[in-house]
Protein backbone atom coordinates (compact mmCIF):
# COMPACT_ATOMS: atom_id res chain seq x y z
CA UNK A 1 17.37 11.11 -22.56
CA UNK A 2 13.62 11.46 -21.96
CA UNK A 3 14.10 10.83 -18.25
CA UNK A 4 16.92 13.38 -18.15
CA UNK A 5 14.72 16.06 -19.70
CA UNK A 6 11.86 15.29 -17.31
CA UNK A 7 14.25 15.49 -14.35
CA UNK A 8 15.66 18.79 -15.62
CA UNK A 9 12.20 20.30 -15.98
CA UNK A 10 11.10 19.13 -12.52
CA UNK A 11 14.33 20.42 -10.98
CA UNK A 12 13.84 23.82 -12.62
CA UNK A 13 10.29 23.99 -11.31
CA UNK A 14 11.43 23.16 -7.78
CA UNK A 15 14.18 25.76 -7.81
CA UNK A 16 12.01 28.54 -9.18
CA UNK A 17 9.07 28.30 -6.77
CA UNK A 18 10.13 31.20 -4.57
CA UNK A 19 12.20 33.43 -6.83
CA UNK A 20 11.88 35.23 -10.12
CA UNK A 21 12.84 33.11 -13.11
CA UNK A 22 14.89 35.66 -15.09
CA UNK A 23 18.11 35.66 -13.03
CA UNK A 24 17.82 31.92 -12.55
CA UNK A 25 17.63 31.29 -16.30
CA UNK A 26 20.56 33.63 -16.93
CA UNK A 27 22.66 31.80 -14.35
CA UNK A 28 21.69 28.33 -15.57
CA UNK A 29 22.27 28.81 -19.32
CA UNK A 30 26.01 27.98 -19.20
CA UNK A 31 25.36 25.07 -16.81
CA UNK A 32 22.73 23.57 -19.10
CA UNK A 33 25.04 23.99 -22.10
CA UNK A 34 27.84 22.16 -20.28
CA UNK A 35 25.53 19.36 -19.17
CA UNK A 36 24.19 18.92 -22.71
CA UNK A 37 27.72 18.80 -24.11
CA UNK A 38 28.83 16.23 -21.54
CA UNK A 39 25.73 14.11 -22.30
CA UNK A 40 26.32 14.41 -26.03
CA UNK A 41 22.85 15.78 -26.76
CA UNK A 42 21.52 18.78 -28.61
CA UNK A 43 21.65 21.63 -26.05
CA UNK A 44 18.53 23.23 -27.55
CA UNK A 45 16.41 20.46 -26.04
CA UNK A 46 17.67 21.18 -22.53
CA UNK A 47 17.52 24.95 -23.08
CA UNK A 48 13.84 24.61 -23.88
CA UNK A 49 13.45 22.33 -20.87
CA UNK A 50 14.95 25.11 -18.74
CA UNK A 51 12.61 27.62 -20.32
CA UNK A 52 9.55 25.43 -19.77
CA UNK A 53 10.36 24.52 -16.17
CA UNK A 54 11.50 27.94 -15.03
CA UNK A 55 8.91 30.18 -16.66
CA UNK A 56 5.92 27.94 -16.02
CA UNK A 57 7.11 26.71 -12.62
CA UNK A 58 6.93 30.23 -11.24
CA UNK A 59 3.17 30.08 -11.60
CA UNK A 60 2.85 27.51 -8.81
CA UNK A 61 3.27 29.95 -5.92
CA UNK A 62 2.04 33.49 -5.32
CA UNK A 63 5.61 34.81 -5.15
CA UNK A 64 7.08 32.71 -7.98
CA UNK A 65 6.34 35.31 -10.65
CA UNK A 66 5.89 39.07 -10.59
CA UNK A 67 2.56 38.74 -12.42
CA UNK A 68 1.25 36.59 -9.56
CA UNK A 69 2.22 39.23 -7.01
CA UNK A 70 0.57 41.95 -9.09
CA UNK A 71 -2.60 39.92 -9.60
CA UNK A 72 -2.94 39.13 -5.90
CA UNK A 73 -2.39 42.81 -5.10
CA UNK A 74 -5.22 43.76 -7.44
CA UNK A 75 -7.50 41.13 -5.88
CA UNK A 76 -6.69 42.37 -2.36
CA UNK A 77 -7.47 45.96 -3.35
CA UNK A 78 -10.82 44.72 -4.64
CA UNK A 79 -11.51 43.12 -1.26
CA UNK A 80 -10.66 39.49 -2.00
CA UNK A 81 -8.41 37.54 0.32
CA UNK A 82 -6.12 35.08 -1.44
CA UNK A 83 -4.08 32.72 0.72
CA UNK A 84 -1.16 30.69 -0.58
CA UNK A 85 -3.21 27.53 -0.14
CA UNK A 86 -6.13 28.95 -2.12
CA UNK A 87 -3.79 30.17 -4.84
CA UNK A 88 -2.10 26.79 -5.15
CA UNK A 89 -5.40 24.89 -5.34
CA UNK A 90 -5.94 26.71 -8.60
CA UNK A 91 -2.36 27.05 -9.83
CA UNK A 92 -1.13 23.47 -9.44
CA UNK A 93 -3.45 21.78 -11.98
CA UNK A 94 -3.03 24.57 -14.52
CA UNK A 95 0.76 24.70 -14.13
CA UNK A 96 1.17 20.94 -14.37
CA UNK A 97 -0.98 20.91 -17.51
CA UNK A 98 1.08 23.71 -19.04
CA UNK A 99 4.39 22.02 -18.16
CA UNK A 100 3.21 18.71 -19.61
CA UNK A 101 2.07 20.50 -22.78
CA UNK A 102 5.45 22.23 -23.00
CA UNK A 103 7.24 18.91 -22.61
CA UNK A 104 5.15 17.38 -25.42
CA UNK A 105 5.79 20.42 -27.63
CA UNK A 106 9.53 20.12 -26.95
CA UNK A 107 9.36 16.47 -27.92
CA UNK A 108 7.39 17.21 -31.10
CA UNK A 109 9.64 20.08 -32.19
CA UNK A 110 12.96 18.43 -31.57
CA UNK A 111 12.06 14.75 -31.55
CA UNK A 112 15.10 14.59 -29.38
CA UNK A 113 14.07 12.51 -26.49
């Protein structure tokens, strides 16, 4: 089950890199519920995995979250140039740390894995 949750979170991150997370989460909720039922596990664990991967995964790229787009716009108005590469040099370590922390929190809260 631990491997399944890790794979779910990584899949969510990969799918959310270039789109907003809200419609994706709304579309995936019934899918995650069905997968959890077919696996015979508590769906809450996978729902939180979806939440962790999708909301935090959007922070990896400049266009993955509306806050990133807004922040880059503010920086550009102030005269700073932010490339995707520069953004990701900063975002990758922070996002991976946040996702790992979320995974651990999920494990501690639900002890499900």
